[in-house]
Amino acid sequence: MYVLMEAGSFPLWFTLVYVVGFVAAVVIGSIAWYNSKRPAGWEGSETPNWVPKIDPNDNSKGDES
């Protein structure tokens, strides 16, 4: 119980950095997972509409060779 009372002594910006970082990690990880090969049993699943399509053969990185 004492630990929970001490948790309120962190500065707001410190807590926000961790919360925003966690949310960003979950979103980026979800996009990467949905665009990767499907694990066994998930081959027929549909990708959610909010996940952008990424073409692995797209060579538009700015290299004009």
N, C-alpha and C. Protein backbone atom coordinates (compact mmCIF):
# COMPACT_ATOMS: atom_id res chain seq x y z
N MET A 1 0.83 -1.19 0.00
CA MET A 1 0.00 0.00 0.00
C MET A 1 0.87 1.25 0.00
N TYR A 2 1.96 1.20 0.75
CA TYR A 2 2.86 2.35 0.82
C TYR A 2 3.47 2.67 -0.55
N VAL A 3 3.71 1.64 -1.34
CA VAL A 3 4.29 1.84 -2.68
C VAL A 3 3.33 2.65 -3.55
N LEU A 4 2.05 2.37 -3.45
CA LEU A 4 1.07 3.12 -4.24
C LEU A 4 1.00 4.59 -3.83
N MET A 5 1.20 4.85 -2.56
CA MET A 5 1.19 6.24 -2.11
C MET A 5 2.42 6.98 -2.61
N GLU A 6 3.55 6.29 -2.73
CA GLU A 6 4.78 6.91 -3.21
C GLU A 6 4.74 7.15 -4.71
N ALA A 7 3.91 6.41 -5.45
CA ALA A 7 3.84 6.54 -6.91
C ALA A 7 3.37 7.93 -7.32
N GLY A 8 2.65 8.63 -6.49
CA GLY A 8 2.17 9.96 -6.81
C GLY A 8 3.23 11.03 -6.70
N SER A 9 4.43 10.67 -6.26
CA SER A 9 5.48 11.68 -6.10
C SER A 9 6.30 11.88 -7.36
N PHE A 10 6.03 11.10 -8.43
CA PHE A 10 6.73 11.29 -9.70
C PHE A 10 6.20 12.54 -10.39
N PRO A 11 7.08 13.27 -11.10
CA PRO A 11 6.60 14.42 -11.88
C PRO A 11 5.68 13.97 -13.02
N LEU A 12 4.78 14.83 -13.42
CA LEU A 12 3.82 14.50 -14.47
C LEU A 12 4.52 14.18 -15.78
N TRP A 13 5.53 14.95 -16.16
CA TRP A 13 6.22 14.72 -17.43
C TRP A 13 6.90 13.35 -17.44
N PHE A 14 7.41 12.92 -16.30
CA PHE A 14 8.07 11.62 -16.19
C PHE A 14 7.08 10.50 -16.47
N THR A 15 5.89 10.62 -15.90
CA THR A 15 4.86 9.62 -16.11
C THR A 15 4.35 9.65 -17.55
N LEU A 16 4.18 10.83 -18.12
CA LEU A 16 3.70 10.95 -19.49
C LEU A 16 4.67 10.35 -20.50
N VAL A 17 5.97 10.50 -20.26
CA VAL A 17 6.97 9.92 -21.16
C VAL A 17 6.80 8.41 -21.22
N TYR A 18 6.62 7.79 -20.08
CA TYR A 18 6.45 6.34 -20.05
C TYR A 18 5.12 5.91 -20.65
N VAL A 19 4.06 6.64 -20.40
CA VAL A 19 2.75 6.28 -20.95
C VAL A 19 2.76 6.43 -22.47
N VAL A 20 3.26 7.55 -22.98
CA VAL A 20 3.31 7.78 -24.42
C VAL A 20 4.24 6.76 -25.08
N GLY A 21 5.36 6.45 -24.46
CA GLY A 21 6.28 5.46 -25.01
C GLY A 21 5.66 4.08 -25.07
N PHE A 22 4.92 3.70 -24.04
CA PHE A 22 4.26 2.40 -24.03
C PHE A 22 3.20 2.32 -25.13
N VAL A 23 2.40 3.36 -25.27
CA VAL A 23 1.36 3.37 -26.31
C VAL A 23 2.01 3.31 -27.69
N ALA A 24 3.08 4.06 -27.91
CA ALA A 24 3.77 4.03 -29.21
C ALA A 24 4.34 2.64 -29.49
N ALA A 25 4.92 2.00 -28.49
CA ALA A 25 5.48 0.67 -28.68
C ALA A 25 4.39 -0.35 -29.04
N VAL A 26 3.23 -0.24 -28.40
CA VAL A 26 2.14 -1.16 -28.69
C VAL A 26 1.62 -0.94 -30.11
N VAL A 27 1.45 0.31 -30.51
CA VAL A 27 0.93 0.61 -31.86
C VAL A 27 1.92 0.17 -32.93
N ILE A 28 3.20 0.51 -32.77
CA ILE A 28 4.21 0.14 -33.77
C ILE A 28 4.38 -1.37 -33.81
N GLY A 29 4.37 -2.01 -32.66
CA GLY A 29 4.47 -3.46 -32.62
C GLY A 29 3.28 -4.15 -33.26
N SER A 30 2.10 -3.60 -33.07
CA SER A 30 0.90 -4.18 -33.69
C SER A 30 0.95 -4.05 -35.20
N ILE A 31 1.37 -2.91 -35.70
CA ILE A 31 1.49 -2.72 -37.15
C ILE A 31 2.51 -3.69 -37.72
N ALA A 32 3.64 -3.85 -37.07
CA ALA A 32 4.67 -4.78 -37.54
C ALA A 32 4.16 -6.21 -37.51
N TRP A 33 3.45 -6.58 -36.45
CA TRP A 33 2.95 -7.95 -36.35
C TRP A 33 1.91 -8.23 -37.42
N TYR A 34 0.98 -7.31 -37.64
CA TYR A 34 -0.06 -7.54 -38.64
C TYR A 34 0.50 -7.57 -40.05
N ASN A 35 1.62 -6.90 -40.31
CA ASN A 35 2.21 -6.90 -41.64
C ASN A 35 3.23 -8.01 -41.84
N SER A 36 3.52 -8.78 -40.81
CA SER A 36 4.45 -9.89 -40.94
C SER A 36 3.70 -11.13 -41.39
N LYS A 37 4.47 -12.21 -41.58
CA LYS A 37 3.82 -13.47 -41.91
C LYS A 37 2.97 -13.90 -40.73
N ARG A 38 1.86 -14.52 -41.01
CA ARG A 38 0.95 -14.94 -39.96
C ARG A 38 1.48 -16.20 -39.27
N PRO A 39 1.39 -16.26 -37.97
CA PRO A 39 1.77 -17.50 -37.27
C PRO A 39 0.78 -18.62 -37.57
N ALA A 40 1.15 -19.83 -37.23
CA ALA A 40 0.29 -20.99 -37.48
C ALA A 40 -1.08 -20.78 -36.85
N GLY A 41 -2.12 -20.97 -37.65
CA GLY A 41 -3.48 -20.80 -37.17
C GLY A 41 -4.06 -19.43 -37.48
N TRP A 42 -3.23 -18.47 -37.88
CA TRP A 42 -3.70 -17.11 -38.17
C TRP A 42 -3.62 -16.79 -39.67
N GLU A 43 -3.35 -17.79 -40.51
CA GLU A 43 -3.13 -17.52 -41.93
C GLU A 43 -4.35 -16.90 -42.61
N GLY A 44 -5.55 -17.29 -42.21
CA GLY A 44 -6.76 -16.81 -42.85
C GLY A 44 -7.33 -15.54 -42.23
N SER A 45 -6.67 -14.99 -41.23
CA SER A 45 -7.23 -13.81 -40.55
C SER A 45 -7.05 -12.56 -41.40
N GLU A 46 -7.97 -11.65 -41.24
CA GLU A 46 -7.92 -10.40 -41.99
C GLU A 46 -7.18 -9.34 -41.21
N THR A 47 -6.51 -8.47 -41.94
CA THR A 47 -5.80 -7.36 -41.33
C THR A 47 -6.80 -6.25 -41.01
N PRO A 48 -6.74 -5.66 -39.81
CA PRO A 48 -7.66 -4.56 -39.49
C PRO A 48 -7.49 -3.38 -40.45
N ASN A 49 -8.53 -2.59 -40.61
CA ASN A 49 -8.50 -1.46 -41.55
C ASN A 49 -7.52 -0.37 -41.14
N TRP A 50 -7.21 -0.25 -39.84
CA TRP A 50 -6.35 0.84 -39.38
C TRP A 50 -4.87 0.54 -39.59
N VAL A 51 -4.53 -0.69 -40.00
CA VAL A 51 -3.13 -1.06 -40.24
C VAL A 51 -2.76 -0.70 -41.67
N PRO A 52 -1.73 0.14 -41.88
CA PRO A 52 -1.35 0.51 -43.25
C PRO A 52 -0.70 -0.68 -43.96
N LYS A 53 -0.93 -0.77 -45.26
CA LYS A 53 -0.31 -1.81 -46.07
C LYS A 53 1.13 -1.41 -46.37
N ILE A 54 2.06 -2.32 -46.17
CA ILE A 54 3.47 -2.07 -46.45
C ILE A 54 3.93 -3.08 -47.48
N ASP A 55 4.46 -2.59 -48.59
CA ASP A 55 4.95 -3.45 -49.66
C ASP A 55 6.43 -3.72 -49.43
N PRO A 56 6.83 -4.97 -49.17
CA PRO A 56 8.24 -5.25 -48.90
C PRO A 56 9.13 -5.07 -50.13
N ASN A 57 8.54 -5.01 -51.32
CA ASN A 57 9.32 -4.84 -52.55
C ASN A 57 9.41 -3.38 -52.99
N ASP A 58 8.88 -2.46 -52.18
CA ASP A 58 8.89 -1.05 -52.51
C ASP A 58 10.31 -0.50 -52.33
N ASN A 59 10.88 0.04 -53.41
CA ASN A 59 12.24 0.57 -53.38
C ASN A 59 12.28 2.09 -53.41
N SER A 60 11.32 2.74 -52.81
CA SER A 60 11.24 4.20 -52.84
C SER A 60 11.87 4.81 -51.59
N LYS A 61 13.09 4.43 -51.28
CA LYS A 61 13.79 4.96 -50.12
C LYS A 61 14.57 6.22 -50.45
N GLY A 62 14.45 6.70 -51.67
CA GLY A 62 15.17 7.90 -52.04
C GLY A 62 16.46 7.59 -52.79
N ASP A 63 16.76 6.31 -52.99
CA ASP A 63 17.96 5.93 -53.71
C ASP A 63 17.66 6.00 -55.20
N GLU A 64 18.30 6.86 -55.90
CA GLU A 64 18.11 7.02 -57.32
C GLU A 64 19.32 6.46 -58.06
N SER A 65 19.58 5.17 -57.90
CA SER A 65 20.73 4.53 -58.55
C SER A 65 20.33 3.91 -59.85
